[in-house]
C-alpha atoms as a PDB file:
ATOM      1  CA  MET A   1      -0.392 -13.126 -14.552  1.00  0.00           C
ATOM      2  CA  MET A   2      -2.259 -12.627 -11.144  1.00  0.00           C
ATOM      3  CA  PHE A   3      -2.833 -15.810  -8.907  1.00  0.00           C
ATOM      4  CA  ALA A   4      -6.569 -15.933  -9.327  1.00  0.00           C
ATOM      5  CA  ASP A   5      -6.367 -15.656 -13.229  1.00  0.00           C
ATOM      6  CA  LYS A   6      -3.819 -18.594 -13.103  1.00  0.00           C
ATOM      7  CA  LEU A   7      -6.047 -20.571 -10.870  1.00  0.00           C
ATOM      8  CA  ILE A   8      -9.148 -19.937 -13.092  1.00  0.00           C
ATOM      9  CA  ASP A   9      -7.152 -20.820 -16.137  1.00  0.00           C
ATOM     10  CA  ARG A  10      -6.364 -24.197 -14.523  1.00  0.00           C
ATOM     11  CA  VAL A  11      -9.911 -24.672 -13.327  1.00  0.00           C
ATOM     12  CA  ILE A  12     -11.410 -24.279 -16.802  1.00  0.00           C
ATOM     13  CA  SER A  13      -8.722 -25.986 -18.687  1.00  0.00           C
ATOM     14  CA  LEU A  14      -9.248 -29.111 -16.545  1.00  0.00           C
ATOM     15  CA  ARG A  15     -12.953 -28.638 -15.858  1.00  0.00           C
ATOM     16  CA  ASN A  16     -12.380 -29.230 -12.310  1.00  0.00           C
ATOM     17  CA  HIS A  17     -12.967 -27.071  -9.148  1.00  0.00           C
ATOM     18  CA  CYS A  18     -11.398 -29.722  -6.679  1.00  0.00           C
ATOM     19  CA  ILE A  19      -8.002 -29.881  -5.294  1.00  0.00           C
ATOM     20  CA  VAL A  20      -6.170 -32.368  -3.129  1.00  0.00           C
ATOM     21  CA  GLY A  21      -4.781 -31.779   0.077  1.00  0.00           C
ATOM     22  CA  ILE A  22      -1.600 -33.444   0.804  1.00  0.00           C
ATOM     23  CA  ASP A  23      -1.679 -34.253   4.469  1.00  0.00           C
ATOM     24  CA  PRO A  24       0.555 -37.332   4.748  1.00  0.00           C
ATOM     25  CA  SER A  25      -0.350 -38.142   8.408  1.00  0.00           C
ATOM     26  CA  TYR A  26       1.305 -41.501   9.767  1.00  0.00           C
ATOM     27  CA  ASN A  27      -2.027 -43.174  10.222  1.00  0.00           C
ATOM     28  CA  ILE A  28      -2.992 -42.543   6.311  1.00  0.00           C
ATOM     29  CA  ILE A  29       0.209 -43.920   4.942  1.00  0.00           C
ATOM     30  CA  PRO A  30      -0.191 -47.447   3.682  1.00  0.00           C
ATOM     31  CA  GLU A  31       1.313 -50.278   5.938  1.00  0.00           C
ATOM     32  CA  PHE A  32       3.352 -51.534   3.122  1.00  0.00           C
ATOM     33  CA  LEU A  33       5.134 -48.333   2.933  1.00  0.00           C
ATOM     34  CA  LYS A  34       5.699 -48.411   6.649  1.00  0.00           C
ATOM     35  CA  GLU A  35       7.004 -51.951   6.475  1.00  0.00           C
ATOM     36  CA  LYS A  36       9.400 -50.907   3.603  1.00  0.00           C
ATOM     37  CA  TYR A  37      10.896 -47.973   5.391  1.00  0.00           C
ATOM     38  CA  LEU A  38      10.523 -48.456   9.072  1.00  0.00           C
ATOM     39  CA  GLY A  39      10.377 -52.325   9.345  1.00  0.00           C
ATOM     40  CA  SER A  40      13.664 -53.998   8.966  1.00  0.00           C
ATOM     41  CA  ARG A  41      15.355 -50.626   8.650  1.00  0.00           C
ATOM     42  CA  GLY A  42      14.337 -49.138  11.702  1.00  0.00           C
ATOM     43  CA  GLY A  43      12.192 -45.907  12.368  1.00  0.00           C
ATOM     44  CA  ASN A  44      15.159 -43.378  12.192  1.00  0.00           C
ATOM     45  CA  ILE A  45      14.387 -39.857  10.610  1.00  0.00           C
ATOM     46  CA  ASP A  46      16.151 -40.648   7.363  1.00  0.00           C
ATOM     47  CA  ASN A  47      13.818 -43.639   6.801  1.00  0.00           C
ATOM     48  CA  ILE A  48      10.688 -41.544   8.013  1.00  0.00           C
ATOM     49  CA  VAL A  49      11.217 -38.668   5.575  1.00  0.00           C
ATOM     50  CA  GLU A  50      11.907 -41.068   2.698  1.00  0.00           C
ATOM     51  CA  MET A  51       8.578 -42.854   3.361  1.00  0.00           C
ATOM     52  CA  LEU A  52       6.775 -39.305   3.449  1.00  0.00           C
ATOM     53  CA  TYR A  53       8.492 -38.221   0.136  1.00  0.00           C
ATOM     54  CA  GLU A  54       7.527 -41.403  -1.712  1.00  0.00           C
ATOM     55  CA  PHE A  55       3.791 -41.357  -0.345  1.00  0.00           C
ATOM     56  CA  SER A  56       3.533 -37.556  -1.299  1.00  0.00           C
ATOM     57  CA  ILE A  57       5.091 -37.856  -4.697  1.00  0.00           C
ATOM     58  CA  ASN A  58       3.073 -40.931  -5.803  1.00  0.00           C
ATOM     59  CA  ILE A  59      -0.072 -38.924  -5.033  1.00  0.00           C
ATOM     60  CA  ILE A  60       1.071 -36.144  -7.077  1.00  0.00           C
ATOM     61  CA  GLU A  61       1.901 -38.470  -9.968  1.00  0.00           C
ATOM     62  CA  HIS A  62      -1.641 -39.880  -9.877  1.00  0.00           C
ATOM     63  CA  VAL A  63      -3.483 -36.630  -9.864  1.00  0.00           C
ATOM     64  CA  TYR A  64      -1.423 -33.835 -11.510  1.00  0.00           C
ATOM     65  CA  ASP A  65      -3.227 -34.059 -14.728  1.00  0.00           C
ATOM     66  CA  ILE A  66      -6.797 -33.973 -13.382  1.00  0.00           C
ATOM     67  CA  VAL A  67      -6.785 -31.210 -10.595  1.00  0.00           C
ATOM     68  CA  PRO A  68      -5.657 -27.815 -10.712  1.00  0.00           C
ATOM     69  CA  ALA A  69      -3.858 -27.421  -7.528  1.00  0.00           C
ATOM     70  CA  ILE A  70      -2.547 -29.218  -4.474  1.00  0.00           C
ATOM     71  CA  LYS A  71      -2.812 -28.141  -0.896  1.00  0.00           C
ATOM     72  CA  PRO A  72       0.137 -29.427   1.430  1.00  0.00           C
ATOM     73  CA  GLN A  73      -0.446 -28.952   4.983  1.00  0.00           C
ATOM     74  CA  ILE A  74       2.890 -27.791   6.572  1.00  0.00           C
ATOM     75  CA  ALA A  75       2.263 -29.465   9.855  1.00  0.00           C
ATOM     76  CA  PHE A  76       2.586 -32.949   8.555  1.00  0.00           C
ATOM     77  CA  PHE A  77       6.077 -32.211   7.222  1.00  0.00           C
ATOM     78  CA  GLU A  78       7.155 -29.720  10.000  1.00  0.00           C
ATOM     79  CA  GLN A  79       6.619 -32.432  12.697  1.00  0.00           C
ATOM     80  CA  TYR A  80       9.780 -34.105  11.326  1.00  0.00           C
ATOM     81  CA  GLY A  81      11.916 -30.949  11.547  1.00  0.00           C
ATOM     82  CA  SER A  82      14.254 -29.469   9.150  1.00  0.00           C
ATOM     83  CA  MET A  83      14.139 -32.819   7.075  1.00  0.00           C
ATOM     84  CA  GLY A  84      10.456 -32.806   6.893  1.00  0.00           C
ATOM     85  CA  LEU A  85      10.482 -29.313   5.833  1.00  0.00           C
ATOM     86  CA  LYS A  86      13.117 -30.128   2.960  1.00  0.00           C
ATOM     87  CA  VAL A  87      10.654 -33.019   1.810  1.00  0.00           C
ATOM     88  CA  LEU A  88       7.893 -30.290   1.631  1.00  0.00           C
ATOM     89  CA  GLU A  89      10.187 -28.163  -0.451  1.00  0.00           C
ATOM     90  CA  GLU A  90      10.920 -31.041  -2.780  1.00  0.00           C
ATOM     91  CA  VAL A  91       7.133 -31.911  -2.980  1.00  0.00           C
ATOM     92  CA  CYS A  92       6.177 -28.346  -3.916  1.00  0.00           C
ATOM     93  CA  ARG A  93       8.997 -28.364  -6.587  1.00  0.00           C
ATOM     94  CA  HIS A  94       7.896 -31.454  -8.000  1.00  0.00           C
ATOM     95  CA  ALA A  95       4.248 -30.319  -8.146  1.00  0.00           C
ATOM     96  CA  LYS A  96       5.309 -27.037  -9.929  1.00  0.00           C
ATOM     97  CA  LYS A  97       7.064 -29.046 -12.518  1.00  0.00           C
ATOM     98  CA  LYS A  98       4.002 -30.901 -13.182  1.00  0.00           C
ATOM     99  CA  ASP A  99       2.278 -27.564 -13.827  1.00  0.00           C
ATOM    100  CA  LEU A 100       0.052 -27.768 -10.538  1.00  0.00           C
ATOM    101  CA  LEU A 101      -0.520 -24.769  -8.516  1.00  0.00           C
ATOM    102  CA  VAL A 102       0.607 -25.115  -5.023  1.00  0.00           C
ATOM    103  CA  ILE A 103      -1.374 -23.695  -1.996  1.00  0.00           C
ATOM    104  CA  VAL A 104       0.602 -24.353   1.111  1.00  0.00           C
ATOM    105  CA  ASP A 105      -1.610 -24.515   4.274  1.00  0.00           C
ATOM    106  CA  ILE A 106       0.399 -22.574   7.003  1.00  0.00           C
ATOM    107  CA  LYS A 107      -2.052 -20.382   8.797  1.00  0.00           C
ATOM    108  CA  ARG A 108       0.455 -17.931   9.709  1.00  0.00           C
ATOM    109  CA  GLY A 109      -0.245 -14.615  11.200  1.00  0.00           C
ATOM    110  CA  ASP A 110       2.353 -12.087  12.948  1.00  0.00           C
ATOM    111  CA  ILE A 111       3.303  -8.514  12.789  1.00  0.00           C
ATOM    112  CA  GLY A 112       6.161  -6.356  11.559  1.00  0.00           C
ATOM    113  CA  SER A 113       9.497  -7.715  10.623  1.00  0.00           C
ATOM    114  CA  THR A 114       8.366 -11.331  11.734  1.00  0.00           C
ATOM    115  CA  CYS A 115       5.564 -11.324   9.025  1.00  0.00           C
ATOM    116  CA  GLU A 116       7.956  -9.899   6.475  1.00  0.00           C
ATOM    117  CA  ALA A 117      10.269 -12.817   7.239  1.00  0.00           C
ATOM    118  CA  TYR A 118       7.467 -15.474   6.791  1.00  0.00           C
ATOM    119  CA  ALA A 119       6.604 -13.614   3.582  1.00  0.00           C
ATOM    120  CA  GLU A 120      10.073 -13.641   2.178  1.00  0.00           C
ATOM    121  CA  TYR A 121      10.336 -17.484   2.554  1.00  0.00           C
ATOM    122  CA  TYR A 122       6.996 -18.371   1.016  1.00  0.00           C
ATOM    123  CA  PHE A 123       6.754 -15.648  -1.422  1.00  0.00           C
ATOM    124  CA  GLY A 124      10.369 -14.605  -2.197  1.00  0.00           C
ATOM    125  CA  ASN A 125      12.274 -15.112  -5.395  1.00  0.00           C
ATOM    126  CA  ASN A 126      15.308 -16.469  -3.549  1.00  0.00           C
ATOM    127  CA  GLU A 127      16.851 -19.735  -4.212  1.00  0.00           C
ATOM    128  CA  TRP A 128      15.977 -20.918  -0.694  1.00  0.00           C
ATOM    129  CA  SER A 129      12.389 -19.782  -0.926  1.00  0.00           C
ATOM    130  CA  LEU A 130       9.434 -22.320  -0.920  1.00  0.00           C
ATOM    131  CA  ASP A 131       8.346 -22.801  -4.571  1.00  0.00           C
ATOM    132  CA  CYS A 132       4.461 -22.263  -4.068  1.00  0.00           C
ATOM    133  CA  ASP A 133       1.784 -20.255  -5.221  1.00  0.00           C
ATOM    134  CA  ALA A 134      -0.469 -19.127  -2.475  1.00  0.00           C
ATOM    135  CA  VAL A 135      -0.866 -19.799   1.568  1.00  0.00           C
ATOM    136  CA  THR A 136      -3.349 -19.458   4.134  1.00  0.00           C
ATOM    137  CA  ILE A 137      -3.386 -16.639   6.561  1.00  0.00           C
ATOM    138  CA  ASN A 138      -4.627 -16.272  10.136  1.00  0.00           C
ATOM    139  CA  PRO A 139      -6.089 -12.856  10.517  1.00  0.00           C
ATOM    140  CA  TYR A 140      -6.319 -12.690  14.265  1.00  0.00           C
ATOM    141  CA  LEU A 141      -3.489  -9.903  14.720  1.00  0.00           C
ATOM    142  CA  GLY A 142      -5.176  -7.704  12.039  1.00  0.00           C
ATOM    143  CA  ARG A 143      -4.075  -6.007   8.765  1.00  0.00           C
ATOM    144  CA  ASP A 144      -0.560  -5.394   9.516  1.00  0.00           C
ATOM    145  CA  SER A 145      -0.330  -9.299   9.857  1.00  0.00           C
ATOM    146  CA  ILE A 146      -1.378  -9.584   6.325  1.00  0.00           C
ATOM    147  CA  ILE A 147       0.077  -6.756   4.342  1.00  0.00           C
ATOM    148  CA  PRO A 148       3.819  -8.171   4.162  1.00  0.00           C
ATOM    149  CA  PHE A 149       2.135 -11.225   2.340  1.00  0.00           C
ATOM    150  CA  LEU A 150      -0.247  -9.113   0.118  1.00  0.00           C
ATOM    151  CA  GLU A 151       2.908  -6.882  -1.120  1.00  0.00           C
ATOM    152  CA  LYS A 152       4.699  -9.943  -1.977  1.00  0.00           C
ATOM    153  CA  CYS A 153       1.446 -11.279  -3.736  1.00  0.00           C
ATOM    154  CA  ILE A 154       1.379  -8.165  -5.758  1.00  0.00           C
ATOM    155  CA  GLU A 155       5.317  -8.255  -6.542  1.00  0.00           C
ATOM    156  CA  ASN A 156       5.400 -11.725  -7.382  1.00  0.00           C
ATOM    157  CA  ASP A 157       1.955 -12.885  -8.561  1.00  0.00           C
ATOM    158  CA  LYS A 158       0.941 -15.019  -5.482  1.00  0.00           C
ATOM    159  CA  GLY A 159      -2.112 -15.471  -3.535  1.00  0.00           C
ATOM    160  CA  ILE A 160      -3.402 -15.536   0.061  1.00  0.00           C
ATOM    161  CA  PHE A 161      -6.552 -17.324   1.649  1.00  0.00           C
ATOM    162  CA  ILE A 162      -7.385 -15.730   4.875  1.00  0.00           C
ATOM    163  CA  LEU A 163      -9.333 -17.626   7.396  1.00  0.00           C
ATOM    164  CA  VAL A 164     -12.747 -16.278   7.474  1.00  0.00           C
ATOM    165  CA  LYS A 165     -15.196 -19.128   8.447  1.00  0.00           C
ATOM    166  CA  THR A 166     -13.416 -22.368   9.100  1.00  0.00           C
ATOM    167  CA  SER A 167     -14.870 -25.880   8.623  1.00  0.00           C
ATOM    168  CA  ASN A 168     -14.118 -27.070  12.244  1.00  0.00           C
ATOM    169  CA  LYS A 169     -17.087 -27.208  14.613  1.00  0.00           C
ATOM    170  CA  SER A 170     -15.423 -24.987  17.494  1.00  0.00           C
ATOM    171  CA  SER A 171     -15.057 -22.304  14.821  1.00  0.00           C
ATOM    172  CA  ILE A 172     -18.125 -20.891  16.446  1.00  0.00           C
ATOM    173  CA  ASP A 173     -16.332 -20.037  19.704  1.00  0.00           C
ATOM    174  CA  ILE A 174     -14.672 -17.039  18.231  1.00  0.00           C
ATOM    175  CA  GLN A 175     -15.769 -16.588  14.588  1.00  0.00           C
ATOM    176  CA  ASP A 176     -19.433 -16.506  15.528  1.00  0.00           C
ATOM    177  CA  LEU A 177     -19.213 -14.029  18.328  1.00  0.00           C
ATOM    178  CA  MET A 178     -21.164 -10.867  18.006  1.00  0.00           C
ATOM    179  CA  CYS A 179     -19.506  -7.460  17.556  1.00  0.00           C
ATOM    180  CA  ASP A 180     -21.140  -4.294  16.720  1.00  0.00           C
ATOM    181  CA  ARG A 181     -24.244  -6.431  15.824  1.00  0.00           C
ATOM    182  CA  ARG A 182     -22.215  -8.551  13.198  1.00  0.00           C
ATOM    183  CA  LYS A 183     -20.265 -11.752  13.702  1.00  0.00           C
ATOM    184  CA  VAL A 184     -16.545 -11.609  13.835  1.00  0.00           C
ATOM    185  CA  TYR A 185     -16.264 -13.678  10.689  1.00  0.00           C
ATOM    186  CA  GLU A 186     -18.378 -10.965   8.892  1.00  0.00           C
ATOM    187  CA  HIS A 187     -15.847  -8.167  10.050  1.00  0.00           C
ATOM    188  CA  ILE A 188     -12.992 -10.484   8.692  1.00  0.00           C
ATOM    189  CA  ALA A 189     -14.817 -10.652   5.303  1.00  0.00           C
ATOM    190  CA  ASP A 190     -14.829  -6.830   5.301  1.00  0.00           C
ATOM    191  CA  LEU A 191     -11.013  -6.924   5.946  1.00  0.00           C
ATOM    192  CA  VAL A 192     -10.752  -9.512   2.758  1.00  0.00           C
ATOM    193  CA  ILE A 193     -12.799  -6.917   0.630  1.00  0.00           C
ATOM    194  CA  SER A 194     -10.684  -3.808   1.935  1.00  0.00           C
ATOM    195  CA  LEU A 195      -7.343  -5.529   1.123  1.00  0.00           C
ATOM    196  CA  GLY A 196      -8.149  -6.962  -2.274  1.00  0.00           C
ATOM    197  CA  LYS A 197     -10.319  -4.320  -3.830  1.00  0.00           C
ATOM    198  CA  ASP A 198      -7.486  -2.475  -5.590  1.00  0.00           C
ATOM    199  CA  TYR A 199      -6.047  -5.686  -7.325  1.00  0.00           C
ATOM    200  CA  ILE A 200      -8.655  -7.281  -9.241  1.00  0.00           C
ATOM    201  CA  GLY A 201      -7.563  -9.407 -12.034  1.00  0.00           C
ATOM    202  CA  GLU A 202      -8.639  -9.879 -15.746  1.00  0.00           C
ATOM    203  CA  LYS A 203     -11.304 -12.360 -14.662  1.00  0.00           C
ATOM    204  CA  GLY A 204     -12.764 -10.460 -11.795  1.00  0.00           C
ATOM    205  CA  TYR A 205     -11.034 -11.879  -8.957  1.00  0.00           C
ATOM    206  CA  SER A 206      -8.388 -10.610  -6.478  1.00  0.00           C
ATOM    207  CA  PRO A 207      -5.385 -12.368  -5.100  1.00  0.00           C
ATOM    208  CA  VAL A 208      -6.902 -12.123  -1.626  1.00  0.00           C
ATOM    209  CA  GLY A 209      -9.191 -15.158  -1.123  1.00  0.00           C
ATOM    210  CA  ALA A 210     -10.959 -16.526   1.921  1.00  0.00           C
ATOM    211  CA  VAL A 211     -10.941 -20.035   3.626  1.00  0.00           C
ATOM    212  CA  VAL A 212     -14.891 -20.815   4.053  1.00  0.00           C
ATOM    213  CA  GLY A 213     -15.484 -24.226   5.437  1.00  0.00           C
ATOM    214  CA  GLY A 214     -17.914 -26.314   3.397  1.00  0.00           C
ATOM    215  CA  THR A 215     -19.574 -27.641   6.763  1.00  0.00           C
ATOM    216  CA  PHE A 216     -21.465 -24.314   7.281  1.00  0.00           C
ATOM    217  CA  LYS A 217     -23.729 -23.944   4.299  1.00  0.00           C
ATOM    218  CA  GLU A 218     -25.736 -20.783   5.233  1.00  0.00           C
ATOM    219  CA  GLU A 219     -22.693 -18.866   6.355  1.00  0.00           C
ATOM    220  CA  GLY A 220     -20.698 -19.960   3.186  1.00  0.00           C
ATOM    221  CA  GLU A 221     -23.648 -18.622   0.939  1.00  0.00           C
ATOM    222  CA  ASN A 222     -23.961 -15.388   2.908  1.00  0.00           C
ATOM    223  CA  LEU A 223     -20.142 -14.945   2.666  1.00  0.00           C
ATOM    224  CA  ARG A 224     -20.349 -15.569  -1.148  1.00  0.00           C
ATOM    225  CA  GLN A 225     -22.789 -12.734  -1.553  1.00  0.00           C
ATOM    226  CA  ARG A 226     -20.407 -10.313   0.182  1.00  0.00           C
ATOM    227  CA  LEU A 227     -17.101 -11.549  -1.358  1.00  0.00           C
ATOM    228  CA  LYS A 228     -18.058 -11.362  -5.050  1.00  0.00           C
ATOM    229  CA  ASN A 229     -14.487 -10.771  -6.097  1.00  0.00           C
ATOM    230  CA  SER A 230     -12.665 -13.168  -3.723  1.00  0.00           C
ATOM    231  CA  TYR A 231     -11.962 -16.902  -4.476  1.00  0.00           C
ATOM    232  CA  PHE A 232     -12.928 -19.455  -1.836  1.00  0.00           C
ATOM    233  CA  LEU A 233     -10.672 -22.028  -0.478  1.00  0.00           C
ATOM    234  CA  VAL A 234     -13.344 -24.708   0.789  1.00  0.00           C
ATOM    235  CA  PRO A 235     -12.116 -27.290   3.244  1.00  0.00           C
ATOM    236  CA  GLY A 236     -14.341 -29.926   4.790  1.00  0.00           C
ATOM    237  CA  TYR A 237     -15.785 -31.886   1.929  1.00  0.00           C
ATOM    238  CA  GLY A 238     -15.908 -35.508   2.445  1.00  0.00           C
ATOM    239  CA  ALA A 239     -14.302 -36.674   5.881  1.00  0.00           C
ATOM    240  CA  GLN A 240     -15.354 -33.381   7.791  1.00  0.00           C
ATOM    241  CA  GLY A 241     -18.956 -33.834   6.652  1.00  0.00           C
ATOM    242  CA  GLY A 242     -19.286 -31.312   3.849  1.00  0.00           C
ATOM    243  CA  VAL A 243     -21.284 -32.609   0.853  1.00  0.00           C
ATOM    244  CA  ALA A 244     -21.428 -31.454  -2.754  1.00  0.00           C
ATOM    245  CA  SER A 245     -25.058 -30.364  -2.898  1.00  0.00           C
ATOM    246  CA  ASP A 246     -24.273 -27.908   0.009  1.00  0.00           C
ATOM    247  CA  LEU A 247     -21.681 -26.111  -1.997  1.00  0.00           C
ATOM    248  CA  LEU A 248     -23.405 -24.594  -4.795  1.00  0.00           C
ATOM    249  CA  GLY A 249     -23.869 -21.424  -3.051  1.00  0.00           C
ATOM    250  CA  TYR A 250     -20.317 -21.193  -2.560  1.00  0.00           C
ATOM    251  CA  PHE A 251     -19.899 -20.353  -6.277  1.00  0.00           C
ATOM    252  CA  ASN A 252     -20.709 -17.054  -8.152  1.00  0.00           C
ATOM    253  CA  GLN A 253     -23.073 -16.850 -11.103  1.00  0.00           C
ATOM    254  CA  ASP A 254     -20.142 -17.175 -13.337  1.00  0.00           C
ATOM    255  CA  GLY A 255     -19.712 -20.725 -12.050  1.00  0.00           C
ATOM    256  CA  LEU A 256     -16.443 -19.774 -10.506  1.00  0.00           C
ATOM    257  CA  GLY A 257     -15.481 -18.356  -7.168  1.00  0.00           C
ATOM    258  CA  SER A 258     -14.437 -21.558  -5.277  1.00  0.00           C
ATOM    259  CA  VAL A 259     -11.962 -24.498  -5.262  1.00  0.00           C
ATOM    260  CA  ILE A 260     -13.140 -27.368  -2.915  1.00  0.00           C
ATOM    261  CA  ASN A 261     -10.385 -29.233  -1.162  1.00  0.00           C
ATOM    262  CA  SER A 262     -10.302 -32.954  -0.006  1.00  0.00           C
ATOM    263  CA  SER A 263      -7.400 -34.424   1.834  1.00  0.00           C
ATOM    264  CA  ARG A 264      -8.194 -37.678   3.693  1.00  0.00           C
ATOM    265  CA  GLY A 265     -10.946 -38.467   1.349  1.00  0.00           C
ATOM    266  CA  ILE A 266      -8.458 -38.541  -1.682  1.00  0.00           C
ATOM    267  CA  ILE A 267      -5.171 -39.718  -0.339  1.00  0.00           C
ATOM    268  CA  GLY A 268      -6.687 -42.072   2.128  1.00  0.00           C
ATOM    269  CA  ALA A 269      -9.322 -43.420  -0.542  1.00  0.00           C
ATOM    270  CA  TYR A 270      -7.816 -46.873  -0.495  1.00  0.00           C
ATOM    271  CA  ARG A 271      -9.232 -47.340   3.019  1.00  0.00           C
ATOM    272  CA  LEU A 272     -12.701 -46.262   2.218  1.00  0.00           C
ATOM    273  CA  GLU A 273     -15.587 -48.624   1.827  1.00  0.00           C
ATOM    274  CA  LYS A 274     -16.449 -47.177  -1.554  1.00  0.00           C
ATOM    275  CA  TYR A 275     -12.975 -48.207  -3.009  1.00  0.00           C
ATOM    276  CA  LYS A 276     -11.623 -50.822  -1.111  1.00  0.00           C
ATOM    277  CA  TYR A 277     -12.997 -53.543  -3.441  1.00  0.00           C
ATOM    278  CA  ASP A 278     -11.098 -52.145  -6.511  1.00  0.00           C
ATOM    279  CA  PHE A 279      -8.003 -50.932  -4.905  1.00  0.00           C
ATOM    280  CA  ASN A 280      -5.650 -51.908  -1.775  1.00  0.00           C
ATOM    281  CA  GLN A 281      -2.933 -50.297  -0.081  1.00  0.00           C
ATOM    282  CA  ILE A 282      -0.405 -50.918  -2.852  1.00  0.00           C
ATOM    283  CA  SER A 283      -2.551 -49.114  -5.420  1.00  0.00           C
ATOM    284  CA  TYR A 284      -3.391 -46.160  -2.953  1.00  0.00           C
ATOM    285  CA  GLY A 285      -2.289 -43.637  -5.835  1.00  0.00           C
ATOM    286  CA  ALA A 286      -4.884 -45.154  -8.257  1.00  0.00           C
ATOM    287  CA  ALA A 287      -7.534 -44.971  -5.649  1.00  0.00           C
ATOM    288  CA  ALA A 288      -6.649 -41.364  -4.983  1.00  0.00           C
ATOM    289  CA  ARG A 289      -7.028 -40.785  -8.634  1.00  0.00           C
ATOM    290  CA  LYS A 290     -10.570 -42.304  -8.816  1.00  0.00           C
ATOM    291  CA  ALA A 291     -11.673 -40.656  -5.717  1.00  0.00           C
ATOM    292  CA  ALA A 292     -10.449 -37.160  -7.090  1.00  0.00           C
ATOM    293  CA  MET A 293     -12.213 -37.756 -10.397  1.00  0.00           C
ATOM    294  CA  ASP A 294     -15.305 -38.999  -8.555  1.00  0.00           C
ATOM    295  CA  MET A 295     -15.407 -35.745  -6.509  1.00  0.00           C
ATOM    296  CA  ARG A 296     -14.841 -33.625  -9.633  1.00  0.00           C
ATOM    297  CA  ASP A 297     -17.785 -35.343 -11.315  1.00  0.00           C
ATOM    298  CA  GLU A 298     -20.017 -34.782  -8.342  1.00  0.00           C
ATOM    299  CA  ILE A 299     -19.247 -31.096  -8.055  1.00  0.00           C
ATOM    300  CA  ASN A 300     -19.726 -30.486 -11.810  1.00  0.00           C
ATOM    301  CA  MET A 301     -23.073 -32.527 -11.871  1.00  0.00           C
ATOM    302  CA  TYR A 302     -24.593 -30.311  -9.065  1.00  0.00           C
ATOM    303  CA  LEU A 303     -23.196 -27.132 -10.790  1.00  0.00           C
ATOM    304  CA  GLU A 304     -24.708 -28.066 -14.258  1.00  0.00           C
ATOM    305  CA  LYS A 305     -28.106 -28.879 -12.468  1.00  0.00           C
ATOM    306  CA  SER A 306     -28.102 -25.395 -11.025  1.00  0.00           C
ATOM    307  CA  GLY A 307     -26.972 -23.694 -14.341  1.00  0.00           C
ATOM    308  CA  LYS A 308     -23.559 -22.694 -12.748  1.00  0.00           C
ATOM    309  CA  LEU A 309     -21.320 -24.880 -14.985  1.00  0.00           C
ATOM    310  CA  ALA A 310     -18.437 -22.645 -16.037  1.00  0.00           C
ATOM    311  CA  TRP A 311     -17.847 -24.545 -19.423  1.00  0.00           C
END
């Protein structure tokens, strides 16, 4: 089954368009875990990665039955070298055992044999390959930096999300530049269409998706009209300022077409004013679950009001 079809099946079965970003930055990890692993034991790498593992796995244990996918950000694991990457592999493996889809945020982009090597690790069928379903791709080097990933997508039922219009404020520096009377991100959208048009799944979507930030409402709505057959990965909800009411235009009329990611707003929910009276740092997993459910319900409420609820 193609990736987009698998994603839609998960979304519909759980009635949830929201996914959880696993971004275990040091600042977001509860103090009691830091004390447990780094206090009397010292801050060596073995203790750090154990802390990273416990935090990430506990989040998964609290959300796996309510969200269709997780999105680990590789940087928060990669910063601890090979041992951090080993934790990422274990996190992905654990998530897959829980029937979660795994979208790894890598933003890779290179050419030739280098890109083929990346694709082999993330999408290969080797015992050392990462057990994930999709990755994010940087298109700056053009289509030959994407095709090796796309070939593996078709071969192994994986998916890619190409950076089209990202949620950060400075995305306008390059993505909004004019070229042939259109903005750069619009040209990237055309590339997404070109790469995915021959691989439309049973439910009408290709494995070539687009990263479209939830902080640019008008641009997101325009891209939705262009990219009817591409699933959107939408960052920016919550901590970056994206709000549910602005995301209705990111969905097609079938009520599908986007998964909304929240990272800090979920895994760090125990710190938020909204939740700190019911939860504390020790119950960070339960706080994450409640925040994920609230996010799901808010998105569904607005979709229902607009007549776009898919169930």
